[in-house]
Every structure is written in C-alpha cells, then in structure tokens.
C-alpha cells in the first residue's frame, strides 16, 4: 500500500501569520545548513529527537545530498519534508518531516532553530491540525 493515496495531492504550501511551510529541496541548502548547525543541541532536546542519529556533524555537500533525498521522497510520495520559513522574511527556521511508520498512518517530527524556540508549540499545533484537516491520515504519531 502507498504512503498516501494515488489521488491525494500533497500540499505545496502552508502559510500562517508566523511561518510558512514549503517542500524542502536543495535550493534551501545553505540556509537549512545554517539553521540546523546553529541549533543541534536544541534539536536533540526537542520532542522526538533525543535518540535520533541526526543532527550530526556533516559538510554542506552532505547536507545538499540529504536535501536531494528529501526532494526525491516528496516527488515519489514516500515521505514529505517541509522547510519552515519565517512569514515576514522567508528565513529558514526549521523543518517538518512526515514519513510512514509501523502502527500509525504517519510519523511526524519537527524542529525550529534555538533562537526561535517560541515557535515550537505553534508549529506543532498548526501542523497537527493541518494533518487532520488536509492530509489523508487519522492516526499520526507526533512527539509533543
């Protein structure tokens, strides 16, 4: 069975007054790299990330390869990763990952930069509602 139904069109944007989500790709490499490398400790302290092997030290070229993989996943509909941008200036401040997991329709992880920690909860709340309203999921695992 596919991760999402064949007739489902994954959203290409979610915009709020505080942030915007758009599919993550290699065009985000430098700002994405700057965002997560400045916040590794905060990301590991965020819900769902404590036992993750990422973030870890990598080169900007390795990051580009990772972003290319996420873009392929999106195109192939096997997983969906969104970059989180500030609404006012479009600066990369985080990511949202939507992937299949056993026992649930999807597993979602998200993070924001350490200097935007006030957006952790609003991002989780907004994405949780979006998943129920727009996506074809009824049972989502999203660490809080």
N, C-alpha and C. Protein backbone atom coordinates (compact mmCIF):
# COMPACT_ATOMS: atom_id res chain seq x y z
N UNK A 1 0.85 -1.20 0.00
CA UNK A 1 0.00 0.00 0.00
C UNK A 1 0.89 1.25 0.00
N UNK A 2 0.47 2.26 -0.71
CA UNK A 2 1.20 3.52 -0.78
C UNK A 2 1.09 4.28 0.53
N UNK A 3 2.06 5.16 0.73
CA UNK A 3 2.03 6.00 1.93
C UNK A 3 0.82 6.93 1.90
N UNK A 4 0.53 7.51 0.74
CA UNK A 4 -0.67 8.34 0.56
C UNK A 4 -1.42 7.82 -0.66
N UNK A 5 -2.73 8.01 -0.70
CA UNK A 5 -3.50 7.54 -1.86
C UNK A 5 -3.03 8.21 -3.17
N UNK A 6 -3.17 7.48 -4.26
CA UNK A 6 -2.74 7.99 -5.57
C UNK A 6 -3.42 9.30 -5.94
N UNK A 7 -4.65 9.49 -5.51
CA UNK A 7 -5.38 10.71 -5.88
C UNK A 7 -5.15 11.87 -4.91
N UNK A 8 -4.31 11.68 -3.90
CA UNK A 8 -4.01 12.77 -2.94
C UNK A 8 -2.90 13.64 -3.48
N UNK A 9 -3.13 14.94 -3.49
CA UNK A 9 -2.12 15.90 -3.90
C UNK A 9 -1.48 16.52 -2.65
N UNK A 10 -0.24 16.16 -2.34
CA UNK A 10 0.41 16.73 -1.16
C UNK A 10 0.48 18.26 -1.28
N UNK A 11 0.12 18.95 -0.23
CA UNK A 11 0.15 20.42 -0.27
C UNK A 11 1.56 20.94 -0.52
N UNK A 12 1.65 21.99 -1.28
CA UNK A 12 2.94 22.62 -1.58
C UNK A 12 3.20 23.83 -0.71
N UNK A 13 2.25 24.18 0.15
CA UNK A 13 2.43 25.37 0.99
C UNK A 13 1.44 25.34 2.14
N UNK A 14 1.90 25.81 3.26
CA UNK A 14 1.05 26.10 4.41
C UNK A 14 1.55 27.43 4.95
N UNK A 15 0.68 28.42 5.00
CA UNK A 15 1.10 29.75 5.45
C UNK A 15 0.27 30.18 6.65
N UNK A 16 0.95 30.70 7.66
CA UNK A 16 0.31 31.30 8.82
C UNK A 16 0.90 32.70 8.99
N UNK A 17 0.44 33.41 9.99
CA UNK A 17 0.99 34.74 10.26
C UNK A 17 2.43 34.66 10.75
N UNK A 18 2.83 33.51 11.31
CA UNK A 18 4.16 33.37 11.90
C UNK A 18 5.18 32.66 11.01
N UNK A 19 4.71 31.70 10.21
CA UNK A 19 5.65 30.91 9.41
C UNK A 19 4.95 30.35 8.18
N UNK A 20 5.77 29.88 7.25
CA UNK A 20 5.30 29.24 6.02
C UNK A 20 6.05 27.93 5.85
N UNK A 21 5.35 26.91 5.40
CA UNK A 21 5.97 25.64 5.06
C UNK A 21 5.95 25.47 3.55
N UNK A 22 7.06 25.00 2.99
CA UNK A 22 7.13 24.64 1.57
C UNK A 22 8.05 23.44 1.47
N UNK A 23 7.90 22.64 0.40
CA UNK A 23 8.74 21.44 0.28
C UNK A 23 10.23 21.79 0.35
N UNK A 24 10.95 21.00 1.12
CA UNK A 24 12.40 21.18 1.29
C UNK A 24 13.12 20.61 0.08
N UNK A 25 14.09 21.35 -0.41
CA UNK A 25 14.87 20.87 -1.54
C UNK A 25 16.26 21.45 -1.51
N UNK A 26 17.10 21.06 -2.48
CA UNK A 26 18.49 21.53 -2.49
C UNK A 26 18.63 23.04 -2.61
N UNK A 27 17.61 23.71 -3.10
CA UNK A 27 17.66 25.18 -3.17
C UNK A 27 17.71 25.83 -1.79
N UNK A 28 17.38 25.07 -0.75
CA UNK A 28 17.42 25.56 0.63
C UNK A 28 18.73 25.21 1.34
N UNK A 29 19.70 24.65 0.62
CA UNK A 29 20.87 24.06 1.26
C UNK A 29 21.58 25.00 2.24
N UNK A 30 22.02 26.13 1.79
CA UNK A 30 22.80 27.00 2.68
C UNK A 30 22.00 27.49 3.88
N UNK A 31 20.77 28.03 3.69
CA UNK A 31 20.03 28.47 4.88
C UNK A 31 19.59 27.32 5.79
N UNK A 32 19.29 26.16 5.21
CA UNK A 32 18.95 24.99 6.02
C UNK A 32 20.15 24.56 6.86
N UNK A 33 21.29 24.48 6.24
CA UNK A 33 22.53 24.09 6.93
C UNK A 33 22.82 25.06 8.08
N UNK A 34 22.70 26.35 7.82
CA UNK A 34 22.93 27.35 8.86
C UNK A 34 21.93 27.20 10.00
N UNK A 35 20.68 26.88 9.67
CA UNK A 35 19.64 26.77 10.70
C UNK A 35 19.91 25.60 11.64
N UNK A 36 20.12 24.40 11.08
CA UNK A 36 20.26 23.26 11.98
C UNK A 36 21.63 23.19 12.65
N UNK A 37 22.69 23.63 11.97
CA UNK A 37 24.01 23.56 12.61
C UNK A 37 24.12 24.55 13.76
N UNK A 38 23.32 25.58 13.76
CA UNK A 38 23.33 26.55 14.86
C UNK A 38 22.47 26.09 16.03
N UNK A 39 21.77 24.96 15.86
CA UNK A 39 20.76 24.56 16.86
C UNK A 39 20.77 23.08 17.18
N UNK A 40 21.89 22.40 17.00
CA UNK A 40 21.94 20.96 17.18
C UNK A 40 21.51 20.54 18.59
N UNK A 41 22.00 21.21 19.59
CA UNK A 41 21.64 20.86 20.97
C UNK A 41 20.14 21.04 21.20
N UNK A 42 19.59 22.14 20.71
CA UNK A 42 18.15 22.39 20.86
C UNK A 42 17.33 21.33 20.12
N UNK A 43 17.76 20.96 18.91
CA UNK A 43 17.02 19.95 18.15
C UNK A 43 17.01 18.63 18.92
N UNK A 44 18.15 18.21 19.44
CA UNK A 44 18.20 16.95 20.21
C UNK A 44 17.35 17.01 21.47
N UNK A 45 17.11 18.20 21.99
CA UNK A 45 16.27 18.36 23.17
C UNK A 45 14.79 18.48 22.81
N UNK A 46 14.47 18.60 21.53
CA UNK A 46 13.09 18.74 21.08
C UNK A 46 12.38 17.39 21.10
N UNK A 47 11.06 17.38 21.31
CA UNK A 47 10.31 16.12 21.34
C UNK A 47 10.55 15.27 20.09
N UNK A 48 10.88 13.99 20.34
CA UNK A 48 11.09 13.04 19.27
C UNK A 48 12.51 12.93 18.75
N UNK A 49 13.39 13.83 19.14
CA UNK A 49 14.74 13.86 18.59
C UNK A 49 15.82 13.32 19.53
N UNK A 50 15.52 13.05 20.78
CA UNK A 50 16.54 12.68 21.76
C UNK A 50 17.39 11.49 21.32
N UNK A 51 16.78 10.48 20.71
CA UNK A 51 17.51 9.27 20.34
C UNK A 51 17.89 9.24 18.86
N UNK A 52 17.68 10.34 18.17
CA UNK A 52 17.96 10.38 16.74
C UNK A 52 19.46 10.50 16.46
N UNK A 53 19.88 9.88 15.37
CA UNK A 53 21.28 10.00 14.94
C UNK A 53 21.53 11.34 14.24
N UNK A 54 20.47 12.07 13.94
CA UNK A 54 20.58 13.39 13.34
C UNK A 54 19.98 14.39 14.31
N UNK A 55 20.48 15.57 14.41
CA UNK A 55 21.58 16.13 13.63
C UNK A 55 22.93 15.64 14.13
N UNK A 56 23.83 15.57 13.18
CA UNK A 56 25.22 15.19 13.43
C UNK A 56 26.10 16.05 12.54
N UNK A 57 27.35 16.11 12.85
CA UNK A 57 28.27 16.90 12.03
C UNK A 57 28.28 16.37 10.60
N UNK A 58 28.09 17.27 9.64
CA UNK A 58 28.17 16.93 8.23
C UNK A 58 28.65 18.16 7.47
N UNK A 59 29.13 17.92 6.28
CA UNK A 59 29.55 19.03 5.43
C UNK A 59 28.32 19.61 4.73
N UNK A 60 28.50 20.78 4.17
CA UNK A 60 27.39 21.38 3.42
C UNK A 60 27.06 20.55 2.18
N UNK A 61 28.05 19.87 1.63
CA UNK A 61 27.80 19.00 0.48
C UNK A 61 26.97 17.78 0.91
N UNK A 62 27.26 17.22 2.08
CA UNK A 62 26.45 16.11 2.59
C UNK A 62 25.02 16.58 2.87
N UNK A 63 24.88 17.80 3.35
CA UNK A 63 23.55 18.34 3.59
C UNK A 63 22.78 18.45 2.28
N UNK A 64 23.44 18.93 1.23
CA UNK A 64 22.78 19.02 -0.08
C UNK A 64 22.28 17.64 -0.53
N UNK A 65 23.09 16.61 -0.36
CA UNK A 65 22.67 15.25 -0.71
C UNK A 65 21.45 14.83 0.09
N UNK A 66 21.43 15.19 1.37
CA UNK A 66 20.29 14.88 2.22
C UNK A 66 19.03 15.60 1.72
N UNK A 67 19.18 16.86 1.34
CA UNK A 67 18.03 17.62 0.84
C UNK A 67 17.56 17.06 -0.50
N UNK A 68 18.47 16.61 -1.34
CA UNK A 68 18.09 15.98 -2.60
C UNK A 68 17.30 14.70 -2.34
N UNK A 69 17.70 13.95 -1.32
CA UNK A 69 16.96 12.73 -0.95
C UNK A 69 15.55 13.09 -0.49
N UNK A 70 15.42 14.11 0.35
CA UNK A 70 14.09 14.53 0.80
C UNK A 70 13.23 14.98 -0.38
N UNK A 71 13.81 15.69 -1.33
CA UNK A 71 13.06 16.13 -2.52
C UNK A 71 12.60 14.93 -3.35
N UNK A 72 13.47 13.92 -3.48
CA UNK A 72 13.09 12.69 -4.19
C UNK A 72 11.94 11.98 -3.48
N UNK A 73 12.05 11.88 -2.16
CA UNK A 73 10.97 11.26 -1.37
C UNK A 73 9.65 11.96 -1.63
N UNK A 74 9.68 13.29 -1.65
CA UNK A 74 8.47 14.08 -1.89
C UNK A 74 7.92 13.76 -3.28
N UNK A 75 8.78 13.79 -4.27
CA UNK A 75 8.37 13.52 -5.65
C UNK A 75 7.81 12.11 -5.80
N UNK A 76 8.43 11.15 -5.12
CA UNK A 76 8.00 9.75 -5.21
C UNK A 76 6.87 9.43 -4.22
N UNK A 77 6.52 10.41 -3.38
CA UNK A 77 5.40 10.29 -2.43
C UNK A 77 5.66 9.24 -1.35
N UNK A 78 6.93 9.07 -0.99
CA UNK A 78 7.30 8.11 0.05
C UNK A 78 7.56 8.79 1.38
N UNK A 79 7.62 10.10 1.40
CA UNK A 79 7.83 10.91 2.58
C UNK A 79 7.77 12.36 2.16
N UNK A 80 7.46 13.22 3.13
CA UNK A 80 7.26 14.63 2.81
C UNK A 80 7.98 15.49 3.85
N UNK A 81 8.96 16.24 3.38
CA UNK A 81 9.71 17.12 4.27
C UNK A 81 9.49 18.55 3.81
N UNK A 82 9.18 19.40 4.78
CA UNK A 82 8.93 20.81 4.52
C UNK A 82 9.94 21.65 5.27
N UNK A 83 10.41 22.70 4.63
CA UNK A 83 11.21 23.69 5.33
C UNK A 83 10.23 24.67 5.98
N UNK A 84 10.62 25.19 7.13
CA UNK A 84 9.81 26.18 7.83
C UNK A 84 10.52 27.52 7.68
N UNK A 85 9.80 28.48 7.11
CA UNK A 85 10.35 29.80 6.84
C UNK A 85 9.60 30.84 7.66
N UNK A 86 10.30 31.90 8.04
CA UNK A 86 9.60 32.99 8.71
C UNK A 86 8.63 33.61 7.72
N UNK A 87 7.46 34.00 8.21
CA UNK A 87 6.46 34.60 7.33
C UNK A 87 6.91 35.96 6.82
N UNK A 88 7.62 36.69 7.67
CA UNK A 88 7.97 38.06 7.30
C UNK A 88 9.14 38.16 6.34
N UNK A 89 10.13 37.25 6.43
CA UNK A 89 11.32 37.42 5.61
C UNK A 89 11.75 36.17 4.84
N UNK A 90 11.09 35.04 5.08
CA UNK A 90 11.43 33.83 4.36
C UNK A 90 12.72 33.16 4.79
N UNK A 91 13.19 33.47 6.00
CA UNK A 91 14.40 32.86 6.54
C UNK A 91 14.08 31.45 7.04
N UNK A 92 14.95 30.49 6.75
CA UNK A 92 14.75 29.11 7.22
C UNK A 92 14.90 29.06 8.73
N UNK A 93 13.86 28.55 9.39
CA UNK A 93 13.89 28.45 10.85
C UNK A 93 13.59 27.05 11.35
N UNK A 94 13.38 26.08 10.45
CA UNK A 94 13.11 24.73 10.92
C UNK A 94 12.68 23.81 9.80
N UNK A 95 12.22 22.62 10.20
CA UNK A 95 11.74 21.61 9.25
C UNK A 95 10.62 20.78 9.88
N UNK A 96 9.80 20.20 8.99
CA UNK A 96 8.76 19.25 9.37
C UNK A 96 8.93 18.03 8.48
N UNK A 97 8.94 16.84 9.08
CA UNK A 97 9.13 15.58 8.37
C UNK A 97 7.88 14.72 8.56
N UNK A 98 7.31 14.24 7.47
CA UNK A 98 6.12 13.38 7.50
C UNK A 98 6.49 12.09 6.77
N UNK A 99 6.60 11.00 7.51
CA UNK A 99 7.05 9.73 6.92
C UNK A 99 6.20 8.58 7.46
N UNK A 100 6.17 7.47 6.73
CA UNK A 100 5.43 6.31 7.22
C UNK A 100 6.11 5.68 8.43
N UNK A 101 5.30 5.04 9.26
CA UNK A 101 5.81 4.33 10.43
C UNK A 101 4.84 3.20 10.75
N UNK A 102 5.37 2.09 11.19
CA UNK A 102 4.51 0.96 11.58
C UNK A 102 3.63 1.37 12.75
N UNK A 103 2.37 0.96 12.70
CA UNK A 103 1.45 1.19 13.80
C UNK A 103 0.69 2.50 13.74
N UNK A 104 1.02 3.38 12.80
CA UNK A 104 0.35 4.66 12.63
C UNK A 104 0.28 4.98 11.14
N UNK A 105 -0.57 5.93 10.78
CA UNK A 105 -0.62 6.37 9.38
C UNK A 105 0.65 7.10 8.98
N UNK A 106 1.22 7.84 9.94
CA UNK A 106 2.43 8.62 9.67
C UNK A 106 3.11 8.97 10.98
N UNK A 107 4.41 9.24 10.87
CA UNK A 107 5.18 9.78 11.99
C UNK A 107 5.65 11.16 11.57
N UNK A 108 5.51 12.12 12.47
CA UNK A 108 5.89 13.50 12.18
C UNK A 108 6.91 13.95 13.21
N UNK A 109 7.95 14.58 12.71
CA UNK A 109 8.94 15.23 13.56
C UNK A 109 9.09 16.66 13.06
N UNK A 110 9.40 17.55 13.98
CA UNK A 110 9.67 18.93 13.58
C UNK A 110 10.70 19.53 14.51
N UNK A 111 11.31 20.60 14.04
CA UNK A 111 12.25 21.35 14.87
C UNK A 111 12.25 22.79 14.39
N UNK A 112 12.63 23.66 15.28
CA UNK A 112 12.88 25.06 14.94
C UNK A 112 14.24 25.44 15.52
N UNK A 113 14.82 26.48 14.94
CA UNK A 113 16.12 26.96 15.44
C UNK A 113 16.02 27.36 16.91
N UNK A 114 17.13 27.26 17.59
CA UNK A 114 17.17 27.59 19.02
C UNK A 114 16.76 29.03 19.28
N UNK A 115 17.03 29.92 18.35
CA UNK A 115 16.66 31.32 18.56
C UNK A 115 15.20 31.60 18.19
N UNK A 116 14.44 30.56 17.81
CA UNK A 116 13.01 30.70 17.52
C UNK A 116 12.19 29.69 18.31
N UNK A 117 12.70 29.33 19.49
CA UNK A 117 12.08 28.30 20.33
C UNK A 117 10.60 28.60 20.63
N UNK A 118 10.22 29.86 20.63
CA UNK A 118 8.83 30.23 20.90
C UNK A 118 7.88 29.69 19.83
N UNK A 119 8.41 29.25 18.69
CA UNK A 119 7.56 28.71 17.62
C UNK A 119 7.42 27.19 17.68
N UNK A 120 8.11 26.51 18.59
CA UNK A 120 7.99 25.06 18.70
C UNK A 120 6.54 24.62 18.83
N UNK A 121 5.85 25.12 19.84
CA UNK A 121 4.47 24.71 20.09
C UNK A 121 3.52 25.19 19.00
N UNK A 122 3.57 26.44 18.58
CA UNK A 122 2.67 26.85 17.49
C UNK A 122 2.87 26.02 16.21
N UNK A 123 4.12 25.66 15.91
CA UNK A 123 4.37 24.83 14.74
C UNK A 123 3.72 23.46 14.92
N UNK A 124 3.93 22.83 16.05
CA UNK A 124 3.33 21.51 16.30
C UNK A 124 1.81 21.57 16.25
N UNK A 125 1.24 22.59 16.87
CA UNK A 125 -0.22 22.72 16.88
C UNK A 125 -0.77 22.93 15.47
N UNK A 126 -0.13 23.80 14.71
CA UNK A 126 -0.58 24.10 13.35
C UNK A 126 -0.44 22.88 12.45
N UNK A 127 0.70 22.20 12.52
CA UNK A 127 0.92 21.02 11.69
C UNK A 127 -0.04 19.90 12.09
N UNK A 128 -0.28 19.72 13.36
CA UNK A 128 -1.22 18.68 13.81
C UNK A 128 -2.61 18.91 13.23
N UNK A 129 -3.10 20.14 13.28
CA UNK A 129 -4.42 20.46 12.72
C UNK A 129 -4.43 20.28 11.20
N UNK A 130 -3.36 20.70 10.54
CA UNK A 130 -3.22 20.58 9.08
C UNK A 130 -3.26 19.12 8.66
N UNK A 131 -2.57 18.27 9.40
CA UNK A 131 -2.56 16.85 9.08
C UNK A 131 -3.95 16.24 9.15
N UNK A 132 -4.73 16.66 10.13
CA UNK A 132 -6.10 16.13 10.27
C UNK A 132 -7.05 16.74 9.25
N UNK A 133 -6.86 18.00 8.91
CA UNK A 133 -7.78 18.70 8.00
C UNK A 133 -7.50 18.43 6.53
N UNK A 134 -6.24 18.31 6.14
CA UNK A 134 -5.87 18.28 4.73
C UNK A 134 -5.32 16.93 4.28
N UNK A 135 -4.59 16.27 5.15
CA UNK A 135 -3.92 15.02 4.78
C UNK A 135 -4.85 13.83 4.99
N UNK A 136 -4.56 12.69 4.33
CA UNK A 136 -5.42 11.51 4.44
C UNK A 136 -5.09 10.62 5.63
N UNK A 137 -4.74 11.24 6.75
CA UNK A 137 -4.33 10.48 7.94
C UNK A 137 -5.35 10.62 9.05
N UNK A 138 -5.53 9.56 9.83
CA UNK A 138 -6.36 9.63 11.03
C UNK A 138 -5.57 9.31 12.29
N UNK A 139 -4.42 8.67 12.11
CA UNK A 139 -3.60 8.25 13.27
C UNK A 139 -2.14 8.66 13.03
N UNK A 140 -1.76 9.78 13.60
CA UNK A 140 -0.43 10.33 13.40
C UNK A 140 0.35 10.31 14.71
N UNK A 141 1.57 9.82 14.66
CA UNK A 141 2.47 9.88 15.81
C UNK A 141 3.29 11.16 15.68
N UNK A 142 3.10 12.07 16.64
CA UNK A 142 3.80 13.35 16.61
C UNK A 142 4.22 13.66 18.04
N UNK A 143 5.51 13.51 18.31
CA UNK A 143 6.03 13.72 19.67
C UNK A 143 5.71 15.12 20.15
N UNK A 144 5.28 15.21 21.38
CA UNK A 144 4.95 16.51 21.98
C UNK A 144 5.83 16.69 23.18
